[in-house]
Amino acid sequence: AEPVRKMMSHLVVENFVQKGFRNVRVLPKKRSVVSSTASYGIVQAQLVAMEELLSMGHWDFAAVSLSEHDMALRSVDDLAATLAAHRGSSFTHTARLWSEHEHRSDLS
């Protein structure tokens, strides 16, 4: 796992950071997670990544979590242009749905 993390860190610096994209990063070694398909490690990695995002301060758009099974259908520029009209909006309603169900007595 460590050789892959080091390679990814090098590629991020080379392809993003050196080109001015300071918001692209690989998790530090102590926070890195080894995961496999359909494992809790994927959830854990996403939670750690969200904590890292929150520690970065203000950002325009939330992260999109992609795995080896996903293929981007739109370019980053196209996504940014599409999302720009929706600043301050959320397309995730998980918290709202959870609060609607937390008072139901039939959930055990």
N, C-alpha and C. Protein backbone atom coordinates (compact mmCIF):
# COMPACT_ATOMS: atom_id res chain seq x y z
N ALA A 1 0.82 -1.19 0.00
CA ALA A 1 0.00 0.00 0.00
C ALA A 1 0.86 1.26 0.00
N GLU A 2 1.95 1.26 0.75
CA GLU A 2 2.79 2.46 0.83
C GLU A 2 3.43 2.83 -0.50
N PRO A 3 3.94 1.88 -1.29
CA PRO A 3 4.49 2.27 -2.60
C PRO A 3 3.44 2.93 -3.50
N VAL A 4 2.20 2.45 -3.45
CA VAL A 4 1.14 3.04 -4.27
C VAL A 4 0.83 4.45 -3.78
N ARG A 5 0.77 4.65 -2.47
CA ARG A 5 0.51 5.98 -1.91
C ARG A 5 1.61 6.95 -2.29
N LYS A 6 2.86 6.50 -2.23
CA LYS A 6 3.99 7.36 -2.62
C LYS A 6 3.92 7.72 -4.11
N MET A 7 3.59 6.74 -4.95
CA MET A 7 3.47 7.00 -6.38
C MET A 7 2.35 8.01 -6.65
N MET A 8 1.20 7.82 -5.98
CA MET A 8 0.08 8.74 -6.16
C MET A 8 0.44 10.15 -5.70
N SER A 9 1.15 10.25 -4.57
CA SER A 9 1.58 11.55 -4.07
C SER A 9 2.47 12.25 -5.09
N HIS A 10 3.40 11.51 -5.66
CA HIS A 10 4.29 12.06 -6.68
C HIS A 10 3.50 12.53 -7.90
N LEU A 11 2.57 11.72 -8.36
CA LEU A 11 1.76 12.08 -9.54
C LEU A 11 0.88 13.30 -9.28
N VAL A 12 0.34 13.41 -8.07
CA VAL A 12 -0.49 14.57 -7.72
C VAL A 12 0.35 15.84 -7.76
N VAL A 13 1.53 15.78 -7.16
CA VAL A 13 2.41 16.96 -7.18
C VAL A 13 2.79 17.32 -8.61
N GLU A 14 3.21 16.34 -9.36
CA GLU A 14 3.67 16.56 -10.74
C GLU A 14 2.56 17.07 -11.66
N ASN A 15 1.39 16.49 -11.56
CA ASN A 15 0.32 16.80 -12.51
C ASN A 15 -0.67 17.86 -12.05
N PHE A 16 -0.72 18.15 -10.76
CA PHE A 16 -1.70 19.11 -10.27
C PHE A 16 -1.06 20.27 -9.51
N VAL A 17 -0.34 19.97 -8.43
CA VAL A 17 0.20 21.01 -7.57
C VAL A 17 1.15 21.92 -8.33
N GLN A 18 2.05 21.35 -9.13
CA GLN A 18 2.99 22.16 -9.90
C GLN A 18 2.30 23.00 -10.97
N LYS A 19 1.07 22.66 -11.29
CA LYS A 19 0.30 23.42 -12.29
C LYS A 19 -0.68 24.38 -11.64
N GLY A 20 -0.57 24.55 -10.32
CA GLY A 20 -1.38 25.54 -9.63
C GLY A 20 -2.64 25.01 -8.96
N PHE A 21 -2.91 23.72 -9.06
CA PHE A 21 -4.09 23.15 -8.42
C PHE A 21 -3.70 22.72 -7.00
N ARG A 22 -3.88 23.60 -6.04
CA ARG A 22 -3.45 23.34 -4.66
C ARG A 22 -4.48 22.54 -3.87
N ASN A 23 -5.65 22.28 -4.44
CA ASN A 23 -6.70 21.59 -3.71
C ASN A 23 -6.77 20.10 -4.02
N VAL A 24 -5.77 19.55 -4.70
CA VAL A 24 -5.72 18.13 -5.00
C VAL A 24 -4.64 17.53 -4.11
N ARG A 25 -5.00 16.48 -3.39
CA ARG A 25 -4.02 15.89 -2.47
C ARG A 25 -4.29 14.42 -2.22
N VAL A 26 -3.26 13.75 -1.74
CA VAL A 26 -3.34 12.36 -1.30
C VAL A 26 -3.32 12.40 0.22
N LEU A 27 -4.15 11.59 0.85
CA LEU A 27 -4.20 11.60 2.31
C LEU A 27 -2.83 11.28 2.90
N PRO A 28 -2.49 11.90 4.04
CA PRO A 28 -1.24 11.58 4.71
C PRO A 28 -1.19 10.10 5.10
N LYS A 29 0.00 9.56 5.25
CA LYS A 29 0.18 8.14 5.55
C LYS A 29 -0.64 7.70 6.77
N LYS A 30 -0.62 8.51 7.83
CA LYS A 30 -1.32 8.11 9.06
C LYS A 30 -2.84 8.09 8.88
N ARG A 31 -3.36 8.74 7.82
CA ARG A 31 -4.81 8.77 7.58
C ARG A 31 -5.20 7.93 6.37
N SER A 32 -4.24 7.32 5.71
CA SER A 32 -4.54 6.52 4.53
C SER A 32 -5.23 5.22 4.93
N VAL A 33 -6.06 4.71 4.03
CA VAL A 33 -6.84 3.51 4.30
C VAL A 33 -6.66 2.53 3.15
N VAL A 34 -6.39 1.28 3.47
CA VAL A 34 -6.34 0.24 2.46
C VAL A 34 -7.74 -0.34 2.35
N SER A 35 -8.25 -0.39 1.14
CA SER A 35 -9.62 -0.89 0.98
C SER A 35 -9.71 -1.80 -0.23
N SER A 36 -10.80 -2.53 -0.27
CA SER A 36 -11.09 -3.38 -1.43
C SER A 36 -12.53 -3.14 -1.83
N THR A 37 -12.91 -3.64 -2.97
CA THR A 37 -14.25 -3.44 -3.48
C THR A 37 -15.30 -3.89 -2.47
N ALA A 38 -16.31 -3.05 -2.27
CA ALA A 38 -17.44 -3.35 -1.38
C ALA A 38 -17.03 -3.59 0.06
N SER A 39 -16.01 -2.87 0.53
CA SER A 39 -15.57 -3.04 1.92
C SER A 39 -15.82 -1.76 2.71
N TYR A 40 -15.77 -1.89 4.03
CA TYR A 40 -15.93 -0.71 4.88
C TYR A 40 -14.78 0.26 4.66
N GLY A 41 -13.64 -0.23 4.21
CA GLY A 41 -12.49 0.64 3.96
C GLY A 41 -12.82 1.76 2.98
N ILE A 42 -13.71 1.51 2.04
CA ILE A 42 -14.11 2.54 1.09
C ILE A 42 -14.88 3.64 1.82
N VAL A 43 -15.79 3.26 2.68
CA VAL A 43 -16.55 4.23 3.47
C VAL A 43 -15.61 5.01 4.38
N GLN A 44 -14.71 4.30 5.03
CA GLN A 44 -13.75 4.94 5.93
C GLN A 44 -12.89 5.95 5.17
N ALA A 45 -12.41 5.59 3.99
CA ALA A 45 -11.60 6.50 3.18
C ALA A 45 -12.40 7.74 2.79
N GLN A 46 -13.66 7.58 2.44
CA GLN A 46 -14.49 8.72 2.08
C GLN A 46 -14.73 9.64 3.28
N LEU A 47 -14.93 9.07 4.46
CA LEU A 47 -15.12 9.89 5.65
C LEU A 47 -13.86 10.68 5.99
N VAL A 48 -12.72 10.03 5.89
CA VAL A 48 -11.45 10.71 6.16
C VAL A 48 -11.23 11.82 5.13
N ALA A 49 -11.55 11.54 3.87
CA ALA A 49 -11.39 12.56 2.82
C ALA A 49 -12.31 13.75 3.07
N MET A 50 -13.53 13.50 3.53
CA MET A 50 -14.44 14.60 3.84
C MET A 50 -13.91 15.44 4.99
N GLU A 51 -13.31 14.80 6.00
CA GLU A 51 -12.69 15.56 7.09
C GLU A 51 -11.57 16.45 6.55
N GLU A 52 -10.77 15.91 5.64
CA GLU A 52 -9.70 16.69 5.03
C GLU A 52 -10.27 17.89 4.27
N LEU A 53 -11.36 17.65 3.52
CA LEU A 53 -12.00 18.75 2.79
C LEU A 53 -12.47 19.84 3.74
N LEU A 54 -13.11 19.44 4.82
CA LEU A 54 -13.59 20.43 5.79
C LEU A 54 -12.44 21.23 6.39
N SER A 55 -11.29 20.60 6.57
CA SER A 55 -10.14 21.30 7.15
C SER A 55 -9.50 22.28 6.17
N MET A 56 -9.84 22.16 4.88
CA MET A 56 -9.27 23.06 3.86
C MET A 56 -9.93 24.43 3.89
N GLY A 57 -11.03 24.57 4.60
CA GLY A 57 -11.73 25.85 4.63
C GLY A 57 -12.78 25.93 3.54
N HIS A 58 -12.97 27.12 2.99
CA HIS A 58 -14.02 27.35 2.00
C HIS A 58 -13.65 26.72 0.66
N TRP A 59 -14.63 26.10 0.02
CA TRP A 59 -14.46 25.57 -1.32
C TRP A 59 -15.78 25.72 -2.05
N ASP A 60 -15.72 25.83 -3.36
CA ASP A 60 -16.92 26.12 -4.16
C ASP A 60 -17.83 24.91 -4.34
N PHE A 61 -17.25 23.73 -4.55
CA PHE A 61 -18.05 22.55 -4.84
C PHE A 61 -17.60 21.39 -3.98
N ALA A 62 -18.53 20.54 -3.64
CA ALA A 62 -18.20 19.34 -2.87
C ALA A 62 -17.49 18.33 -3.75
N ALA A 63 -16.87 17.38 -3.10
CA ALA A 63 -16.14 16.35 -3.82
C ALA A 63 -17.09 15.33 -4.44
N VAL A 64 -16.65 14.78 -5.53
CA VAL A 64 -17.34 13.66 -6.15
C VAL A 64 -16.43 12.47 -5.97
N SER A 65 -16.93 11.47 -5.29
CA SER A 65 -16.12 10.29 -5.00
C SER A 65 -16.22 9.30 -6.15
N LEU A 66 -15.09 9.04 -6.79
CA LEU A 66 -15.06 8.08 -7.89
C LEU A 66 -14.18 6.90 -7.51
N SER A 67 -14.51 5.75 -8.02
CA SER A 67 -13.69 4.56 -7.80
C SER A 67 -13.24 4.01 -9.14
N GLU A 68 -12.57 2.89 -9.10
CA GLU A 68 -12.10 2.28 -10.34
C GLU A 68 -13.24 1.80 -11.22
N HIS A 69 -14.46 1.79 -10.68
CA HIS A 69 -15.62 1.34 -11.45
C HIS A 69 -16.37 2.47 -12.13
N ASP A 70 -15.92 3.71 -11.89
CA ASP A 70 -16.61 4.87 -12.44
C ASP A 70 -15.86 5.42 -13.65
N MET A 71 -16.61 5.97 -14.58
CA MET A 71 -16.02 6.62 -15.74
C MET A 71 -16.66 8.00 -15.87
N ALA A 72 -15.83 9.02 -15.93
CA ALA A 72 -16.35 10.37 -16.06
C ALA A 72 -17.00 10.54 -17.44
N LEU A 73 -18.20 11.07 -17.45
CA LEU A 73 -18.91 11.30 -18.71
C LEU A 73 -18.83 12.75 -19.15
N ARG A 74 -18.35 13.61 -18.26
CA ARG A 74 -18.21 15.03 -18.58
C ARG A 74 -16.84 15.49 -18.11
N SER A 75 -16.31 16.51 -18.76
CA SER A 75 -15.01 17.05 -18.35
C SER A 75 -15.16 17.86 -17.07
N VAL A 76 -14.04 18.10 -16.39
CA VAL A 76 -14.05 18.91 -15.17
C VAL A 76 -14.58 20.30 -15.48
N ASP A 77 -14.16 20.90 -16.60
CA ASP A 77 -14.63 22.23 -16.97
C ASP A 77 -16.14 22.24 -17.19
N ASP A 78 -16.66 21.20 -17.83
CA ASP A 78 -18.09 21.11 -18.08
C ASP A 78 -18.85 20.96 -16.77
N LEU A 79 -18.35 20.13 -15.86
CA LEU A 79 -18.98 19.97 -14.56
C LEU A 79 -18.99 21.29 -13.78
N ALA A 80 -17.85 22.00 -13.79
CA ALA A 80 -17.76 23.28 -13.07
C ALA A 80 -18.75 24.29 -13.65
N ALA A 81 -18.86 24.35 -14.97
CA ALA A 81 -19.80 25.29 -15.60
C ALA A 81 -21.24 24.92 -15.25
N THR A 82 -21.55 23.66 -15.24
CA THR A 82 -22.91 23.21 -14.92
C THR A 82 -23.24 23.49 -13.46
N LEU A 83 -22.30 23.22 -12.56
CA LEU A 83 -22.55 23.41 -11.13
C LEU A 83 -22.54 24.88 -10.71
N ALA A 84 -21.89 25.75 -11.47
CA ALA A 84 -21.78 27.16 -11.10
C ALA A 84 -23.14 27.81 -10.87
N ALA A 85 -24.12 27.41 -11.62
CA ALA A 85 -25.47 27.97 -11.47
C ALA A 85 -26.15 27.50 -10.18
N HIS A 86 -25.56 26.53 -9.50
CA HIS A 86 -26.19 25.95 -8.31
C HIS A 86 -25.36 26.16 -7.05
N ARG A 87 -24.54 27.21 -7.02
CA ARG A 87 -23.74 27.49 -5.81
C ARG A 87 -24.66 27.59 -4.61
N GLY A 88 -24.25 26.98 -3.50
CA GLY A 88 -25.04 27.01 -2.28
C GLY A 88 -26.14 25.96 -2.23
N SER A 89 -26.29 25.19 -3.29
CA SER A 89 -27.31 24.15 -3.32
C SER A 89 -26.71 22.81 -2.92
N SER A 90 -27.56 21.92 -2.49
CA SER A 90 -27.14 20.56 -2.18
C SER A 90 -28.02 19.59 -2.94
N PHE A 91 -27.39 18.64 -3.58
CA PHE A 91 -28.13 17.60 -4.29
C PHE A 91 -28.21 16.34 -3.46
N THR A 92 -27.67 16.40 -2.24
CA THR A 92 -27.68 15.27 -1.33
C THR A 92 -28.66 15.58 -0.21
N HIS A 93 -29.65 14.75 -0.04
CA HIS A 93 -30.66 15.01 0.96
C HIS A 93 -30.62 13.98 2.08
N THR A 94 -29.48 13.37 2.30
CA THR A 94 -29.35 12.32 3.30
C THR A 94 -29.72 12.82 4.69
N ALA A 95 -29.22 13.98 5.09
CA ALA A 95 -29.49 14.49 6.43
C ALA A 95 -30.98 14.75 6.62
N ARG A 96 -31.62 15.30 5.61
CA ARG A 96 -33.05 15.57 5.70
C ARG A 96 -33.82 14.27 5.83
N LEU A 97 -33.46 13.29 5.04
CA LEU A 97 -34.15 11.99 5.11
C LEU A 97 -33.92 11.34 6.47
N TRP A 98 -32.72 11.45 6.98
CA TRP A 98 -32.43 10.85 8.28
C TRP A 98 -33.29 11.51 9.36
N SER A 99 -33.38 12.83 9.35
CA SER A 99 -34.15 13.50 10.39
C SER A 99 -35.63 13.17 10.29
N GLU A 100 -36.13 12.89 9.08
CA GLU A 100 -37.51 12.51 8.93
C GLU A 100 -37.77 11.13 9.55
N HIS A 101 -36.78 10.26 9.55
CA HIS A 101 -36.95 8.90 10.04
C HIS A 101 -36.54 8.71 11.49
N GLU A 102 -35.79 9.64 12.05
CA GLU A 102 -35.28 9.41 13.41
C GLU A 102 -36.38 9.41 14.45
N HIS A 103 -37.53 9.97 14.13
CA HIS A 103 -38.63 9.99 15.10
C HIS A 103 -39.61 8.83 14.92
N ARG A 104 -39.35 8.01 13.92
CA ARG A 104 -40.23 6.87 13.69
C ARG A 104 -39.91 5.76 14.67
N SER A 105 -40.91 5.21 15.32
CA SER A 105 -40.67 4.16 16.33
C SER A 105 -40.48 2.79 15.72
N ASP A 106 -40.84 2.62 14.43
CA ASP A 106 -40.73 1.29 13.82
C ASP A 106 -39.32 1.01 13.29
N LEU A 107 -38.39 1.96 13.42
CA LEU A 107 -37.01 1.71 13.01
C LEU A 107 -36.23 1.18 14.20
N SER A 108 -35.67 0.02 14.06
CA SER A 108 -34.93 -0.57 15.18
C SER A 108 -33.54 -0.93 14.74
